[in-house]
PDB file of all heavy atoms in Angstrom:
ATOM      1  N   LYS A   1      -6.405 -17.673  -2.490  1.00  0.00           N
ATOM      2  CA  LYS A   1      -5.807 -18.575  -3.480  1.00  0.00           C
ATOM      3  C   LYS A   1      -4.287 -18.535  -3.474  1.00  0.00           C
ATOM      4  O   LYS A   1      -3.634 -19.514  -3.824  1.00  0.00           O
ATOM      5  CB  LYS A   1      -6.310 -18.226  -4.887  1.00  0.00           C
ATOM      6  CG  LYS A   1      -7.737 -18.672  -5.167  1.00  0.00           C
ATOM      7  CD  LYS A   1      -8.083 -18.482  -6.636  1.00  0.00           C
ATOM      8  CE  LYS A   1      -9.470 -19.034  -6.940  1.00  0.00           C
ATOM      9  NZ  LYS A   1      -9.797 -18.887  -8.385  1.00  0.00           N
ATOM     10  N   ILE A   2      -3.708 -17.401  -3.094  1.00  0.00           N
ATOM     11  CA  ILE A   2      -2.245 -17.269  -3.151  1.00  0.00           C
ATOM     12  C   ILE A   2      -1.593 -17.128  -1.775  1.00  0.00           C
ATOM     13  O   ILE A   2      -0.375 -17.131  -1.663  1.00  0.00           O
ATOM     14  CB  ILE A   2      -1.838 -16.058  -4.010  1.00  0.00           C
ATOM     15  CG1 ILE A   2      -2.320 -14.743  -3.360  1.00  0.00           C
ATOM     16  CG2 ILE A   2      -2.368 -16.176  -5.432  1.00  0.00           C
ATOM     17  CD1 ILE A   2      -1.658 -13.510  -3.922  1.00  0.00           C
ATOM     18  N   LYS A   3      -2.406 -17.010  -0.741  1.00  0.00           N
ATOM     19  CA  LYS A   3      -1.931 -16.691   0.608  1.00  0.00           C
ATOM     20  C   LYS A   3      -0.759 -17.563   1.061  1.00  0.00           C
ATOM     21  O   LYS A   3       0.321 -17.051   1.386  1.00  0.00           O
ATOM     22  CB  LYS A   3      -3.085 -16.800   1.596  1.00  0.00           C
ATOM     23  CG  LYS A   3      -2.699 -16.514   3.038  1.00  0.00           C
ATOM     24  CD  LYS A   3      -3.915 -16.637   3.957  1.00  0.00           C
ATOM     25  CE  LYS A   3      -3.533 -16.423   5.397  1.00  0.00           C
ATOM     26  NZ  LYS A   3      -4.705 -16.570   6.305  1.00  0.00           N
ATOM     27  N   ASP A   4      -0.949 -18.862   1.104  1.00  0.00           N
ATOM     28  CA  ASP A   4       0.073 -19.762   1.657  1.00  0.00           C
ATOM     29  C   ASP A   4       1.372 -19.705   0.863  1.00  0.00           C
ATOM     30  O   ASP A   4       2.467 -19.582   1.436  1.00  0.00           O
ATOM     31  CB  ASP A   4      -0.462 -21.198   1.702  1.00  0.00           C
ATOM     32  CG  ASP A   4      -1.609 -21.351   2.688  1.00  0.00           C
ATOM     33  OD1 ASP A   4      -1.713 -20.496   3.601  1.00  0.00           O
ATOM     34  OD2 ASP A   4      -2.408 -22.292   2.549  1.00  0.00           O
ATOM     35  N   ARG A   5       1.257 -19.778  -0.447  1.00  0.00           N
ATOM     36  CA  ARG A   5       2.452 -19.774  -1.301  1.00  0.00           C
ATOM     37  C   ARG A   5       3.178 -18.433  -1.220  1.00  0.00           C
ATOM     38  O   ARG A   5       4.417 -18.388  -1.164  1.00  0.00           O
ATOM     39  CB  ARG A   5       2.024 -20.071  -2.744  1.00  0.00           C
ATOM     40  CG  ARG A   5       3.152 -20.075  -3.770  1.00  0.00           C
ATOM     41  CD  ARG A   5       2.674 -20.679  -5.093  1.00  0.00           C
ATOM     42  NE  ARG A   5       1.402 -20.101  -5.515  1.00  0.00           N
ATOM     43  CZ  ARG A   5       1.308 -19.010  -6.286  1.00  0.00           C
ATOM     44  NH1 ARG A   5       2.406 -18.395  -6.686  1.00  0.00           N
ATOM     45  NH2 ARG A   5       0.132 -18.556  -6.654  1.00  0.00           N
ATOM     46  N   TYR A   6       2.405 -17.350  -1.188  1.00  0.00           N
ATOM     47  CA  TYR A   6       2.988 -16.001  -1.161  1.00  0.00           C
ATOM     48  C   TYR A   6       3.734 -15.747   0.150  1.00  0.00           C
ATOM     49  O   TYR A   6       4.871 -15.256   0.152  1.00  0.00           O
ATOM     50  CB  TYR A   6       1.876 -14.972  -1.364  1.00  0.00           C
ATOM     51  CG  TYR A   6       2.324 -13.535  -1.287  1.00  0.00           C
ATOM     52  CD1 TYR A   6       3.015 -12.941  -2.342  1.00  0.00           C
ATOM     53  CD2 TYR A   6       2.051 -12.760  -0.155  1.00  0.00           C
ATOM     54  CE1 TYR A   6       3.424 -11.619  -2.271  1.00  0.00           C
ATOM     55  CE2 TYR A   6       2.455 -11.434  -0.084  1.00  0.00           C
ATOM     56  CZ  TYR A   6       3.142 -10.872  -1.143  1.00  0.00           C
ATOM     57  OH  TYR A   6       3.550  -9.571  -1.069  1.00  0.00           O
ATOM     58  N   ILE A   7       3.112 -16.074   1.283  1.00  0.00           N
ATOM     59  CA  ILE A   7       3.739 -15.878   2.594  1.00  0.00           C
ATOM     60  C   ILE A   7       4.984 -16.754   2.731  1.00  0.00           C
ATOM     61  O   ILE A   7       6.016 -16.339   3.283  1.00  0.00           O
ATOM     62  CB  ILE A   7       2.743 -16.186   3.743  1.00  0.00           C
ATOM     63  CG1 ILE A   7       1.553 -15.207   3.712  1.00  0.00           C
ATOM     64  CG2 ILE A   7       3.433 -16.135   5.089  1.00  0.00           C
ATOM     65  CD1 ILE A   7       1.908 -13.761   3.970  1.00  0.00           C
ATOM     66  N   LYS A   8       4.902 -17.956   2.208  1.00  0.00           N
ATOM     67  CA  LYS A   8       6.028 -18.898   2.283  1.00  0.00           C
ATOM     68  C   LYS A   8       7.260 -18.349   1.569  1.00  0.00           C
ATOM     69  O   LYS A   8       8.401 -18.606   1.966  1.00  0.00           O
ATOM     70  CB  LYS A   8       5.613 -20.239   1.663  1.00  0.00           C
ATOM     71  CG  LYS A   8       6.527 -21.389   2.021  1.00  0.00           C
ATOM     72  CD  LYS A   8       5.955 -22.700   1.506  1.00  0.00           C
ATOM     73  CE  LYS A   8       6.845 -23.869   1.900  1.00  0.00           C
ATOM     74  NZ  LYS A   8       6.294 -25.168   1.416  1.00  0.00           N
ATOM     75  N   LYS A   9       7.024 -17.570   0.515  1.00  0.00           N
ATOM     76  CA  LYS A   9       8.138 -17.004  -0.257  1.00  0.00           C
ATOM     77  C   LYS A   9       8.611 -15.660   0.290  1.00  0.00           C
ATOM     78  O   LYS A   9       9.410 -14.968  -0.349  1.00  0.00           O
ATOM     79  CB  LYS A   9       7.719 -16.849  -1.725  1.00  0.00           C
ATOM     80  CG  LYS A   9       7.588 -18.177  -2.460  1.00  0.00           C
ATOM     81  CD  LYS A   9       7.300 -17.943  -3.936  1.00  0.00           C
ATOM     82  CE  LYS A   9       7.240 -19.254  -4.703  1.00  0.00           C
ATOM     83  NZ  LYS A   9       6.966 -19.033  -6.147  1.00  0.00           N
ATOM     84  N   GLY A  10       8.102 -15.281   1.471  1.00  0.00           N
ATOM     85  CA  GLY A  10       8.571 -14.051   2.118  1.00  0.00           C
ATOM     86  C   GLY A  10       7.812 -12.799   1.753  1.00  0.00           C
ATOM     87  O   GLY A  10       8.268 -11.681   2.038  1.00  0.00           O
ATOM     88  N   GLY A  11       6.634 -12.961   1.139  1.00  0.00           N
ATOM     89  CA  GLY A  11       5.832 -11.812   0.762  1.00  0.00           C
ATOM     90  C   GLY A  11       5.172 -11.143   1.956  1.00  0.00           C
ATOM     91  O   GLY A  11       4.899 -11.780   2.974  1.00  0.00           O
ATOM     92  N   VAL A  12       4.925  -9.835   1.844  1.00  0.00           N
ATOM     93  CA  VAL A  12       4.269  -9.052   2.896  1.00  0.00           C
ATOM     94  C   VAL A  12       2.915  -8.593   2.371  1.00  0.00           C
ATOM     95  O   VAL A  12       2.777  -8.216   1.205  1.00  0.00           O
ATOM     96  CB  VAL A  12       5.120  -7.818   3.282  1.00  0.00           C
ATOM     97  CG1 VAL A  12       4.451  -7.027   4.400  1.00  0.00           C
ATOM     98  CG2 VAL A  12       6.523  -8.251   3.696  1.00  0.00           C
ATOM     99  N   VAL A  13       1.907  -8.623   3.245  1.00  0.00           N
ATOM    100  CA  VAL A  13       0.549  -8.245   2.831  1.00  0.00           C
ATOM    101  C   VAL A  13      -0.021  -7.185   3.760  1.00  0.00           C
ATOM    102  O   VAL A  13       0.243  -7.183   4.963  1.00  0.00           O
ATOM    103  CB  VAL A  13      -0.373  -9.495   2.793  1.00  0.00           C
ATOM    104  CG1 VAL A  13      -0.440 -10.168   4.161  1.00  0.00           C
ATOM    105  CG2 VAL A  13      -1.771  -9.129   2.318  1.00  0.00           C
ATOM    106  N   PHE A  14      -0.800  -6.250   3.169  1.00  0.00           N
ATOM    107  CA  PHE A  14      -1.468  -5.206   3.942  1.00  0.00           C
ATOM    108  C   PHE A  14      -2.928  -5.102   3.519  1.00  0.00           C
ATOM    109  O   PHE A  14      -3.260  -5.258   2.339  1.00  0.00           O
ATOM    110  CB  PHE A  14      -0.811  -3.840   3.719  1.00  0.00           C
ATOM    111  CG  PHE A  14       0.544  -3.697   4.335  1.00  0.00           C
ATOM    112  CD1 PHE A  14       1.685  -3.875   3.572  1.00  0.00           C
ATOM    113  CD2 PHE A  14       0.682  -3.369   5.679  1.00  0.00           C
ATOM    114  CE1 PHE A  14       2.947  -3.740   4.130  1.00  0.00           C
ATOM    115  CE2 PHE A  14       1.938  -3.230   6.250  1.00  0.00           C
ATOM    116  CZ  PHE A  14       3.077  -3.413   5.480  1.00  0.00           C
ATOM    117  N   SER A  15      -3.792  -4.848   4.497  1.00  0.00           N
ATOM    118  CA  SER A  15      -5.157  -4.442   4.178  1.00  0.00           C
ATOM    119  C   SER A  15      -5.091  -3.007   3.648  1.00  0.00           C
ATOM    120  O   SER A  15      -4.171  -2.261   3.974  1.00  0.00           O
ATOM    121  CB  SER A  15      -6.043  -4.482   5.431  1.00  0.00           C
ATOM    122  OG  SER A  15      -6.057  -5.772   5.996  1.00  0.00           O
ATOM    123  N   SER A  16      -6.054  -2.625   2.830  1.00  0.00           N
ATOM    124  CA  SER A  16      -6.041  -1.281   2.258  1.00  0.00           C
ATOM    125  C   SER A  16      -6.202  -0.220   3.351  1.00  0.00           C
ATOM    126  O   SER A  16      -6.989  -0.378   4.272  1.00  0.00           O
ATOM    127  CB  SER A  16      -7.149  -1.137   1.216  1.00  0.00           C
ATOM    128  OG  SER A  16      -8.395  -1.541   1.757  1.00  0.00           O
ATOM    129  N   ASN A  17      -5.426   0.858   3.217  1.00  0.00           N
ATOM    130  CA  ASN A  17      -5.426   1.960   4.181  1.00  0.00           C
ATOM    131  C   ASN A  17      -5.603   3.261   3.388  1.00  0.00           C
ATOM    132  O   ASN A  17      -4.676   4.054   3.228  1.00  0.00           O
ATOM    133  CB  ASN A  17      -4.107   1.968   4.952  1.00  0.00           C
ATOM    134  CG  ASN A  17      -4.114   2.931   6.124  1.00  0.00           C
ATOM    135  OD1 ASN A  17      -4.977   3.792   6.231  1.00  0.00           O
ATOM    136  ND2 ASN A  17      -3.132   2.801   7.005  1.00  0.00           N
ATOM    137  N   PHE A  18      -6.829   3.476   2.882  1.00  0.00           N
ATOM    138  CA  PHE A  18      -7.060   4.557   1.930  1.00  0.00           C
ATOM    139  C   PHE A  18      -6.874   5.952   2.531  1.00  0.00           C
ATOM    140  O   PHE A  18      -6.515   6.886   1.814  1.00  0.00           O
ATOM    141  CB  PHE A  18      -8.444   4.417   1.307  1.00  0.00           C
ATOM    142  CG  PHE A  18      -8.585   3.195   0.440  1.00  0.00           C
ATOM    143  CD1 PHE A  18      -9.515   2.213   0.739  1.00  0.00           C
ATOM    144  CD2 PHE A  18      -7.763   3.016  -0.654  1.00  0.00           C
ATOM    145  CE1 PHE A  18      -9.632   1.080  -0.051  1.00  0.00           C
ATOM    146  CE2 PHE A  18      -7.870   1.888  -1.454  1.00  0.00           C
ATOM    147  CZ  PHE A  18      -8.807   0.917  -1.156  1.00  0.00           C
ATOM    148  N   ALA A  19      -7.105   6.104   3.827  1.00  0.00           N
ATOM    149  CA  ALA A  19      -6.876   7.413   4.463  1.00  0.00           C
ATOM    150  C   ALA A  19      -5.393   7.772   4.379  1.00  0.00           C
ATOM    151  O   ALA A  19      -5.033   8.923   4.073  1.00  0.00           O
ATOM    152  CB  ALA A  19      -7.330   7.373   5.916  1.00  0.00           C
ATOM    153  N   PHE A  20      -4.540   6.805   4.623  1.00  0.00           N
ATOM    154  CA  PHE A  20      -3.089   6.999   4.548  1.00  0.00           C
ATOM    155  C   PHE A  20      -2.656   7.276   3.110  1.00  0.00           C
ATOM    156  O   PHE A  20      -1.915   8.227   2.835  1.00  0.00           O
ATOM    157  CB  PHE A  20      -2.394   5.759   5.113  1.00  0.00           C
ATOM    158  CG  PHE A  20      -0.892   5.759   5.004  1.00  0.00           C
ATOM    159  CD1 PHE A  20      -0.148   6.902   5.276  1.00  0.00           C
ATOM    160  CD2 PHE A  20      -0.207   4.599   4.651  1.00  0.00           C
ATOM    161  CE1 PHE A  20       1.231   6.894   5.185  1.00  0.00           C
ATOM    162  CE2 PHE A  20       1.170   4.579   4.561  1.00  0.00           C
ATOM    163  CZ  PHE A  20       1.899   5.729   4.827  1.00  0.00           C
ATOM    164  N   TYR A  21      -3.146   6.467   2.166  1.00  0.00           N
ATOM    165  CA  TYR A  21      -2.764   6.644   0.763  1.00  0.00           C
ATOM    166  C   TYR A  21      -3.235   8.006   0.240  1.00  0.00           C
ATOM    167  O   TYR A  21      -2.520   8.678  -0.502  1.00  0.00           O
ATOM    168  CB  TYR A  21      -3.354   5.531  -0.117  1.00  0.00           C
ATOM    169  CG  TYR A  21      -3.062   4.125   0.359  1.00  0.00           C
ATOM    170  CD1 TYR A  21      -3.977   3.091   0.150  1.00  0.00           C
ATOM    171  CD2 TYR A  21      -1.880   3.815   1.032  1.00  0.00           C
ATOM    172  CE1 TYR A  21      -3.730   1.802   0.584  1.00  0.00           C
ATOM    173  CE2 TYR A  21      -1.622   2.533   1.482  1.00  0.00           C
ATOM    174  CZ  TYR A  21      -2.558   1.521   1.262  1.00  0.00           C
ATOM    175  OH  TYR A  21      -2.318   0.250   1.702  1.00  0.00           O
ATOM    176  N   GLY A  22      -4.452   8.388   0.633  1.00  0.00           N
ATOM    177  CA  GLY A  22      -4.990   9.674   0.198  1.00  0.00           C
ATOM    178  C   GLY A  22      -4.162  10.842   0.703  1.00  0.00           C
ATOM    179  O   GLY A  22      -3.909  11.811  -0.026  1.00  0.00           O
ATOM    180  N   ASP A  23      -3.716  10.750   1.958  1.00  0.00           N
ATOM    181  CA  ASP A  23      -2.907  11.820   2.526  1.00  0.00           C
ATOM    182  C   ASP A  23      -1.536  11.896   1.856  1.00  0.00           C
ATOM    183  O   ASP A  23      -1.036  12.990   1.572  1.00  0.00           O
ATOM    184  CB  ASP A  23      -2.737  11.613   4.033  1.00  0.00           C
ATOM    185  CG  ASP A  23      -2.049  12.794   4.697  1.00  0.00           C
ATOM    186  OD1 ASP A  23      -2.671  13.870   4.762  1.00  0.00           O
ATOM    187  OD2 ASP A  23      -0.888  12.651   5.117  1.00  0.00           O
ATOM    188  N   MET A  24      -0.920  10.750   1.579  1.00  0.00           N
ATOM    189  CA  MET A  24       0.373  10.734   0.885  1.00  0.00           C
ATOM    190  C   MET A  24       0.229  11.292  -0.528  1.00  0.00           C
ATOM    191  O   MET A  24       1.111  12.007  -1.024  1.00  0.00           O
ATOM    192  CB  MET A  24       0.937   9.307   0.843  1.00  0.00           C
ATOM    193  CG  MET A  24       1.354   8.754   2.197  1.00  0.00           C
ATOM    194  SD  MET A  24       2.643   9.736   3.021  1.00  0.00           S
ATOM    195  CE  MET A  24       4.054   9.433   1.956  1.00  0.00           C
ATOM    196  N   SER A  25      -0.893  10.987  -1.168  1.00  0.00           N
ATOM    197  CA  SER A  25      -1.158  11.527  -2.508  1.00  0.00           C
ATOM    198  C   SER A  25      -1.239  13.050  -2.466  1.00  0.00           C
ATOM    199  O   SER A  25      -0.667  13.743  -3.317  1.00  0.00           O
ATOM    200  CB  SER A  25      -2.468  10.950  -3.054  1.00  0.00           C
ATOM    201  OG  SER A  25      -2.826  11.570  -4.272  1.00  0.00           O
ATOM    202  N   ARG A  26      -1.954  13.581  -1.476  1.00  0.00           N
ATOM    203  CA  ARG A  26      -2.076  15.039  -1.344  1.00  0.00           C
ATOM    204  C   ARG A  26      -0.698  15.687  -1.172  1.00  0.00           C
ATOM    205  O   ARG A  26      -0.438  16.768  -1.712  1.00  0.00           O
ATOM    206  CB  ARG A  26      -2.971  15.400  -0.155  1.00  0.00           C
ATOM    207  CG  ARG A  26      -4.458  15.290  -0.458  1.00  0.00           C
ATOM    208  CD  ARG A  26      -5.292  15.891   0.667  1.00  0.00           C
ATOM    209  NE  ARG A  26      -5.222  15.107   1.891  1.00  0.00           N
ATOM    210  CZ  ARG A  26      -5.996  14.070   2.164  1.00  0.00           C
ATOM    211  NH1 ARG A  26      -6.891  13.661   1.278  1.00  0.00           N
ATOM    212  NH2 ARG A  26      -5.876  13.423   3.302  1.00  0.00           N
ATOM    213  N   ARG A  27       0.178  15.044  -0.431  1.00  0.00           N
ATOM    214  CA  ARG A  27       1.518  15.591  -0.214  1.00  0.00           C
ATOM    215  C   ARG A  27       2.304  15.652  -1.525  1.00  0.00           C
ATOM    216  O   ARG A  27       2.976  16.646  -1.823  1.00  0.00           O
ATOM    217  CB  ARG A  27       2.272  14.749   0.825  1.00  0.00           C
ATOM    218  CG  ARG A  27       1.719  14.897   2.231  1.00  0.00           C
ATOM    219  CD  ARG A  27       2.191  13.799   3.168  1.00  0.00           C
ATOM    220  NE  ARG A  27       1.479  13.855   4.428  1.00  0.00           N
ATOM    221  CZ  ARG A  27       1.940  14.408   5.549  1.00  0.00           C
ATOM    222  NH1 ARG A  27       3.138  14.957   5.572  1.00  0.00           N
ATOM    223  NH2 ARG A  27       1.210  14.421   6.645  1.00  0.00           N
ATOM    224  N   VAL A  28       2.215  14.586  -2.304  1.00  0.00           N
ATOM    225  CA  VAL A  28       2.901  14.562  -3.606  1.00  0.00           C
ATOM    226  C   VAL A  28       2.331  15.640  -4.524  1.00  0.00           C
ATOM    227  O   VAL A  28       3.077  16.405  -5.158  1.00  0.00           O
ATOM    228  CB  VAL A  28       2.769  13.175  -4.266  1.00  0.00           C
ATOM    229  CG1 VAL A  28       3.299  13.210  -5.706  1.00  0.00           C
ATOM    230  CG2 VAL A  28       3.524  12.115  -3.468  1.00  0.00           C
ATOM    231  N   MET A  29       0.989  15.715  -4.608  1.00  0.00           N
ATOM    232  CA  MET A  29       0.343  16.684  -5.503  1.00  0.00           C
ATOM    233  C   MET A  29       0.626  18.125  -5.082  1.00  0.00           C
ATOM    234  O   MET A  29       0.757  19.015  -5.931  1.00  0.00           O
ATOM    235  CB  MET A  29      -1.162  16.423  -5.569  1.00  0.00           C
ATOM    236  CG  MET A  29      -1.540  15.037  -6.080  1.00  0.00           C
ATOM    237  SD  MET A  29      -0.756  14.611  -7.668  1.00  0.00           S
ATOM    238  CE  MET A  29      -1.030  12.830  -7.736  1.00  0.00           C
ATOM    239  N   ASN A  30       0.741  18.385  -3.784  1.00  0.00           N
ATOM    240  CA  ASN A  30       1.061  19.733  -3.303  1.00  0.00           C
ATOM    241  C   ASN A  30       2.456  20.165  -3.749  1.00  0.00           C
ATOM    242  O   ASN A  30       2.688  21.328  -4.093  1.00  0.00           O
ATOM    243  CB  ASN A  30       0.956  19.807  -1.780  1.00  0.00           C
ATOM    244  CG  ASN A  30      -0.482  19.825  -1.291  1.00  0.00           C
ATOM    245  OD1 ASN A  30      -1.396  20.132  -2.052  1.00  0.00           O
ATOM    246  ND2 ASN A  30      -0.693  19.480  -0.031  1.00  0.00           N
ATOM    247  N   ILE A  31       3.395  19.214  -3.747  1.00  0.00           N
ATOM    248  CA  ILE A  31       4.755  19.512  -4.224  1.00  0.00           C
ATOM    249  C   ILE A  31       4.723  19.856  -5.707  1.00  0.00           C
ATOM    250  O   ILE A  31       5.319  20.847  -6.151  1.00  0.00           O
ATOM    251  CB  ILE A  31       5.698  18.309  -3.974  1.00  0.00           C
ATOM    252  CG1 ILE A  31       5.900  18.095  -2.478  1.00  0.00           C
ATOM    253  CG2 ILE A  31       7.048  18.529  -4.663  1.00  0.00           C
ATOM    254  CD1 ILE A  31       6.598  16.790  -2.133  1.00  0.00           C
ATOM    255  N   LEU A  32       4.008  19.044  -6.482  1.00  0.00           N
ATOM    256  CA  LEU A  32       3.901  19.283  -7.928  1.00  0.00           C
ATOM    257  C   LEU A  32       3.273  20.643  -8.203  1.00  0.00           C
ATOM    258  O   LEU A  32       3.729  21.394  -9.073  1.00  0.00           O
ATOM    259  CB  LEU A  32       3.071  18.181  -8.596  1.00  0.00           C
ATOM    260  CG  LEU A  32       3.618  16.753  -8.506  1.00  0.00           C
ATOM    261  CD1 LEU A  32       2.674  15.779  -9.190  1.00  0.00           C
ATOM    262  CD2 LEU A  32       5.006  16.664  -9.120  1.00  0.00           C
ATOM    263  N   ASP A  33       2.223  20.951  -7.447  1.00  0.00           N
ATOM    264  CA  ASP A  33       1.504  22.210  -7.642  1.00  0.00           C
ATOM    265  C   ASP A  33       2.390  23.413  -7.324  1.00  0.00           C
ATOM    266  O   ASP A  33       2.280  24.467  -7.953  1.00  0.00           O
ATOM    267  CB  ASP A  33       0.263  22.216  -6.743  1.00  0.00           C
ATOM    268  CG  ASP A  33      -0.803  23.172  -7.243  1.00  0.00           C
ATOM    269  OD1 ASP A  33      -1.010  23.244  -8.467  1.00  0.00           O
ATOM    270  OD2 ASP A  33      -1.427  23.843  -6.414  1.00  0.00           O
TER     271      ASP A  33
END
């Protein structure tokens, strides 16, 4: 529904990459811990 308008305005889109997000989360939480 928003693809054409969003891309036209210079927006960037990504498919979900949960392995990457999970690993980055672990790094943040390890620092906090």
